[in-house]
Amino acid sequence: MENKNTSSGFPPAAERTLQILDLFASSPEPKTLKTIAEQLDIPVSSLYRIIGCMQKYNYIVEAPFYPNYFKLGYKLSQFSSIAFSENDLIKLARPFMEDLTRTSNQASQLCILSENYVCTIEQCLPRSVITYISELGEKLPINVSASGKLLTALLPPQKQETFLKRAEKVFRRNTPYTIIDSEKLKKEFENIKHQKYSTDVEEYAVGIGCIAVPIYNNASSTIPIAAIGVTGPISFYRNTNNFDSMLEKLLHVSSKIEQLLPNSL
């Protein structure tokens, strides 16, 4: 049997845990420790400890009516609901994004926080070419993104502090206007919280600007689930009339999306 536990630089226990989850994802029927050990080439002594840990956190449970057989636990369903929530959000937001792009000739983007970054989960591109724009699915440091700064600014203080300590490790200076100092960013966060929107003024790329506003899942929520924004040539955003008009459109669109969101998102 091919040994699947080749050296990869990752902690062996962590990699074996993910291999176990992958095994159940591809073949979900209950399995014994012996079967898992043989299929993944994991020593039974190591597997016993890993399965015990996974049971403690409800990722694996003993199958009812089948002693010593294991199956996926309920905890995984929580991750499934999160993934479906993002898909639902994309479906709801897409028509509004298409309309924003069509009427403004700006790129529109839907973003969320992910790991230490901000991630673009959907976007609509205009017919005109924008030289610099993040790609769909790309993860960016929050300090070069209007959406990243916005979503971080609107986190509760303790969560913001914890997240920022991780996020600052991947900060990068894209342009002379990029803020890479966390203390300076915190001051900008205060302005963002007050004004309820964020901007990128040539911080991601010279010649490019962006506005982003939050999307909440219900009226009582204080933490946004995503940010929706537009991106284009900086000249558009330096025009006060254009800026004010676009901000008003974005706030209207985010409100419309929020009204369509189920409260479970």
Protein backbone atom coordinates (compact mmCIF):
# COMPACT_ATOMS: atom_id res chain seq x y z
CA MET A 1 0.00 0.00 0.00
CA GLU A 2 1.20 3.50 -0.81
CA ASN A 3 2.12 5.41 2.32
CA LYS A 4 -0.08 8.52 2.42
CA ASN A 5 1.79 10.02 5.35
CA THR A 6 4.74 11.29 3.35
CA SER A 7 6.77 14.14 4.74
CA SER A 8 5.08 17.42 3.82
CA GLY A 9 6.32 19.77 6.49
CA PHE A 10 2.91 19.77 8.22
CA PRO A 11 2.27 18.30 11.70
CA PRO A 12 1.58 14.57 11.17
CA ALA A 13 -1.45 14.51 13.51
CA ALA A 14 -3.06 17.47 11.72
CA GLU A 15 -2.48 15.92 8.30
CA ARG A 16 -3.84 12.56 9.44
CA THR A 17 -6.95 14.25 10.85
CA LEU A 18 -7.65 15.83 7.47
CA GLN A 19 -7.00 12.50 5.73
CA ILE A 20 -9.63 10.88 7.97
CA LEU A 21 -12.15 13.60 7.09
CA ASP A 22 -11.36 13.19 3.38
CA LEU A 23 -11.86 9.43 3.69
CA PHE A 24 -15.33 9.84 5.21
CA ALA A 25 -16.21 12.55 2.69
CA SER A 26 -15.49 10.15 -0.20
CA SER A 27 -16.95 7.09 1.54
CA PRO A 28 -19.35 8.10 4.35
CA GLU A 29 -20.43 4.67 5.60
CA PRO A 30 -19.36 3.79 9.20
CA LYS A 31 -15.86 2.34 9.55
CA THR A 32 -13.82 0.55 12.19
CA LEU A 33 -10.45 1.78 13.41
CA LYS A 34 -8.86 -1.16 11.61
CA THR A 35 -10.45 -0.17 8.29
CA ILE A 36 -9.38 3.46 8.65
CA ALA A 37 -5.85 2.46 9.65
CA GLU A 38 -5.49 0.13 6.66
CA GLN A 39 -6.89 2.56 4.10
CA LEU A 40 -4.79 5.49 5.30
CA ASP A 41 -1.72 3.57 6.44
CA ILE A 42 -1.87 5.12 9.92
CA PRO A 43 -0.58 3.16 12.94
CA VAL A 44 -3.52 2.05 15.08
CA SER A 45 -1.94 3.52 18.22
CA SER A 46 -1.76 6.97 16.60
CA LEU A 47 -5.20 6.62 15.04
CA TYR A 48 -6.77 5.76 18.39
CA ARG A 49 -5.60 9.06 19.90
CA ILE A 50 -6.65 11.11 16.85
CA ILE A 51 -10.13 9.54 16.73
CA GLY A 52 -10.49 10.13 20.47
CA CYS A 53 -9.73 13.82 19.98
CA MET A 54 -12.12 14.07 17.03
CA GLN A 55 -14.83 12.44 19.13
CA LYS A 56 -14.31 14.94 21.92
CA TYR A 57 -15.00 17.81 19.50
CA ASN A 58 -17.84 15.93 17.73
CA TYR A 59 -16.17 15.66 14.34
CA ILE A 60 -16.41 11.86 14.64
CA VAL A 61 -19.05 9.87 16.56
CA GLU A 62 -19.64 6.20 17.21
CA ALA A 63 -22.30 4.84 14.87
CA PRO A 64 -25.61 3.97 16.62
CA PHE A 65 -26.27 0.20 16.82
CA TYR A 66 -22.78 -0.56 15.47
CA PRO A 67 -20.28 -0.77 18.36
CA ASN A 68 -16.70 0.19 17.43
CA TYR A 69 -17.79 1.72 14.10
CA PHE A 70 -17.32 5.45 13.53
CA LYS A 71 -18.94 8.03 11.28
CA LEU A 72 -18.85 11.80 10.75
CA GLY A 73 -20.29 13.83 13.62
CA TYR A 74 -22.75 16.71 13.62
CA LYS A 75 -20.01 19.36 13.89
CA LEU A 76 -19.33 19.13 10.17
CA SER A 77 -22.88 20.25 9.39
CA GLN A 78 -22.03 23.66 10.88
CA PHE A 79 -19.32 24.16 8.27
CA SER A 80 -21.70 23.01 5.57
CA SER A 81 -24.27 25.63 6.58
CA ILE A 82 -21.58 28.34 6.47
CA ALA A 83 -20.61 27.34 2.92
CA PHE A 84 -24.24 27.34 1.80
CA SER A 85 -24.73 30.74 3.41
CA GLU A 86 -21.98 32.23 1.29
CA ASN A 87 -23.49 30.69 -1.84
CA ASP A 88 -26.90 32.09 -0.95
CA LEU A 89 -25.38 35.51 -0.37
CA ILE A 90 -23.68 35.39 -3.77
CA LYS A 91 -26.93 34.45 -5.51
CA LEU A 92 -28.79 37.30 -3.83
CA ALA A 93 -26.08 39.86 -4.43
CA ARG A 94 -25.23 38.98 -8.04
CA PRO A 95 -28.14 40.81 -9.76
CA PHE A 96 -27.44 43.97 -7.77
CA MET A 97 -23.73 43.74 -8.59
CA GLU A 98 -24.47 43.33 -12.29
CA ASP A 99 -26.67 46.42 -12.19
CA LEU A 100 -24.01 48.41 -10.33
CA THR A 101 -21.38 47.47 -12.90
CA ARG A 102 -23.66 48.16 -15.86
CA THR A 103 -24.76 51.60 -14.65
CA SER A 104 -21.39 52.80 -13.32
CA ASN A 105 -18.89 51.01 -15.57
CA GLN A 106 -17.01 50.09 -12.39
CA ALA A 107 -16.08 46.60 -11.21
CA SER A 108 -18.25 45.42 -8.31
CA GLN A 109 -16.95 42.98 -5.70
CA LEU A 110 -18.34 40.98 -2.79
CA CYS A 111 -15.81 40.23 -0.05
CA ILE A 112 -15.53 38.43 3.29
CA LEU A 113 -12.81 38.00 5.89
CA SER A 114 -11.01 34.67 5.55
CA GLU A 115 -8.12 33.48 7.72
CA ASN A 116 -5.76 36.49 7.91
CA TYR A 117 -7.03 38.09 4.73
CA VAL A 118 -10.00 39.54 2.89
CA CYS A 119 -11.29 37.33 0.07
CA THR A 120 -13.27 38.24 -3.06
CA ILE A 121 -16.08 35.68 -3.31
CA GLU A 122 -17.90 37.27 -6.26
CA GLN A 123 -17.29 40.04 -8.76
CA CYS A 124 -18.71 41.62 -11.90
CA LEU A 125 -16.35 43.25 -14.36
CA PRO A 126 -17.15 46.18 -16.67
CA ARG A 127 -16.55 46.13 -20.40
CA SER A 128 -13.74 48.64 -20.04
CA VAL A 129 -10.44 47.13 -18.95
CA ILE A 130 -9.25 47.75 -15.38
CA THR A 131 -5.51 47.17 -15.27
CA TYR A 132 -5.25 46.28 -11.59
CA ILE A 133 -7.99 44.40 -9.77
CA SER A 134 -8.04 41.46 -7.39
CA GLU A 135 -9.11 38.17 -8.95
CA LEU A 136 -12.13 36.13 -7.93
CA GLY A 137 -11.18 34.01 -4.93
CA GLU A 138 -7.98 35.97 -4.33
CA LYS A 139 -7.02 36.62 -0.72
CA LEU A 140 -5.57 40.06 -0.04
CA PRO A 141 -3.98 41.60 3.05
CA ILE A 142 -6.63 43.80 4.64
CA ASN A 143 -4.40 46.88 4.53
CA VAL A 144 -4.62 47.13 0.71
CA SER A 145 -8.38 46.65 0.49
CA ALA A 146 -11.34 48.93 1.22
CA SER A 147 -13.44 45.87 2.07
CA GLY A 148 -10.69 44.42 4.25
CA LYS A 149 -10.33 47.62 6.26
CA LEU A 150 -14.11 47.96 6.55
CA LEU A 151 -14.78 44.43 7.80
CA THR A 152 -11.90 44.63 10.27
CA ALA A 153 -12.97 48.06 11.53
CA LEU A 154 -16.47 46.79 12.30
CA LEU A 155 -15.33 43.81 14.37
CA PRO A 156 -15.89 44.06 18.16
CA PRO A 157 -12.76 45.51 19.85
CA GLN A 158 -11.42 42.24 21.25
CA LYS A 159 -12.03 40.30 18.03
CA GLN A 160 -10.50 43.13 16.03
CA GLU A 161 -7.36 43.09 18.17
CA THR A 162 -6.98 39.31 17.83
CA PHE A 163 -7.61 39.34 14.10
CA LEU A 164 -5.30 42.30 13.49
CA LYS A 165 -2.40 40.57 15.25
CA ARG A 166 -2.70 37.74 12.74
CA ALA A 167 -3.49 39.91 9.73
CA GLU A 168 -0.56 42.30 10.19
CA LYS A 169 1.85 39.42 9.61
CA VAL A 170 0.82 39.38 5.94
CA PHE A 171 0.62 43.15 5.40
CA ARG A 172 2.36 44.36 2.27
CA ARG A 173 3.13 47.76 0.78
CA ASN A 174 1.68 47.84 -2.74
CA THR A 175 2.09 51.58 -3.29
CA PRO A 176 3.48 54.62 -1.48
CA TYR A 177 -0.05 55.20 -0.16
CA THR A 178 -0.44 51.79 1.48
CA ILE A 179 -0.73 51.86 5.29
CA ILE A 180 1.37 49.12 6.86
CA ASP A 181 1.43 50.44 10.44
CA SER A 182 -1.27 48.84 12.61
CA GLU A 183 -1.62 51.88 14.86
CA LYS A 184 -2.30 54.14 11.87
CA LEU A 185 -4.82 51.61 10.60
CA LYS A 186 -6.60 51.63 13.95
CA LYS A 187 -7.07 55.39 13.65
CA GLU A 188 -8.57 54.87 10.20
CA PHE A 189 -10.82 52.17 11.65
CA GLU A 190 -12.33 54.77 13.97
CA ASN A 191 -13.28 56.94 10.99
CA ILE A 192 -14.67 53.93 9.15
CA LYS A 193 -16.87 52.96 12.10
CA HIS A 194 -18.24 56.50 12.23
CA GLN A 195 -18.89 56.92 8.50
CA LYS A 196 -20.03 53.31 7.83
CA TYR A 197 -17.99 52.93 4.66
CA SER A 198 -14.36 52.49 3.64
CA THR A 199 -12.19 53.59 0.74
CA ASP A 200 -9.05 52.49 -1.04
CA VAL A 201 -7.32 55.53 -2.49
CA GLU A 202 -4.49 54.06 -4.61
CA GLU A 203 -3.53 51.76 -1.72
CA TYR A 204 -3.96 48.55 -3.73
CA ALA A 205 -2.63 49.99 -6.99
CA VAL A 206 -1.66 53.43 -8.27
CA GLY A 207 -4.47 54.87 -10.36
CA ILE A 208 -7.18 52.69 -8.77
CA GLY A 209 -9.83 53.62 -6.20
CA CYS A 210 -12.56 51.74 -4.34
CA ILE A 211 -15.55 52.28 -2.02
CA ALA A 212 -17.01 49.50 0.13
CA VAL A 213 -20.01 49.29 2.46
CA PRO A 214 -21.09 46.53 4.89
CA ILE A 215 -23.83 43.93 4.52
CA TYR A 216 -25.52 42.73 7.74
CA ASN A 217 -27.71 39.66 8.07
CA ASN A 218 -30.39 41.44 10.12
CA ALA A 219 -31.25 44.83 11.58
CA SER A 220 -29.94 43.99 15.06
CA SER A 221 -26.58 42.61 13.92
CA THR A 222 -23.48 44.67 14.68
CA ILE A 223 -20.98 42.55 12.76
CA PRO A 224 -21.27 42.51 8.94
CA ILE A 225 -21.24 39.20 7.11
CA ALA A 226 -19.67 40.72 3.98
CA ALA A 227 -18.74 43.93 2.19
CA ILE A 228 -19.87 45.07 -1.23
CA GLY A 229 -17.83 47.61 -3.14
CA VAL A 230 -16.92 49.09 -6.51
CA THR A 231 -13.50 49.58 -8.03
CA GLY A 232 -12.24 51.65 -10.94
CA PRO A 233 -9.99 54.48 -12.14
CA ILE A 234 -9.05 56.86 -9.32
CA SER A 235 -10.29 59.89 -11.31
CA PHE A 236 -13.86 58.64 -10.84
CA TYR A 237 -13.47 58.58 -7.04
CA ARG A 238 -11.75 61.95 -6.83
CA ASN A 239 -14.87 63.53 -8.33
CA THR A 240 -17.07 64.48 -5.36
CA ASN A 241 -20.36 64.08 -7.27
CA ASN A 242 -19.36 60.65 -8.55
CA PHE A 243 -18.22 59.56 -5.09
CA ASP A 244 -21.37 60.72 -3.30
CA SER A 245 -23.64 59.22 -5.94
CA MET A 246 -21.82 55.87 -5.86
CA LEU A 247 -21.83 55.73 -2.07
CA GLU A 248 -25.57 56.35 -2.05
CA LYS A 249 -26.08 53.54 -4.59
CA LEU A 250 -23.94 51.13 -2.58
CA LEU A 251 -25.80 51.84 0.65
CA HIS A 252 -29.11 51.33 -1.18
CA VAL A 253 -27.90 48.03 -2.66
CA SER A 254 -26.60 46.72 0.66
CA SER A 255 -29.95 47.58 2.27
CA LYS A 256 -31.83 45.70 -0.48
CA ILE A 257 -29.62 42.63 -0.08
CA GLU A 258 -30.10 42.68 3.69
CA GLN A 259 -33.86 42.69 3.25
CA LEU A 260 -33.65 39.52 1.16
CA LEU A 261 -31.32 37.64 3.46
CA PRO A 262 -32.82 34.95 5.71
CA ASN A 263 -31.99 35.62 9.37
CA SER A 264 -30.18 32.31 9.57
CA LEU A 265 -27.29 33.56 7.45
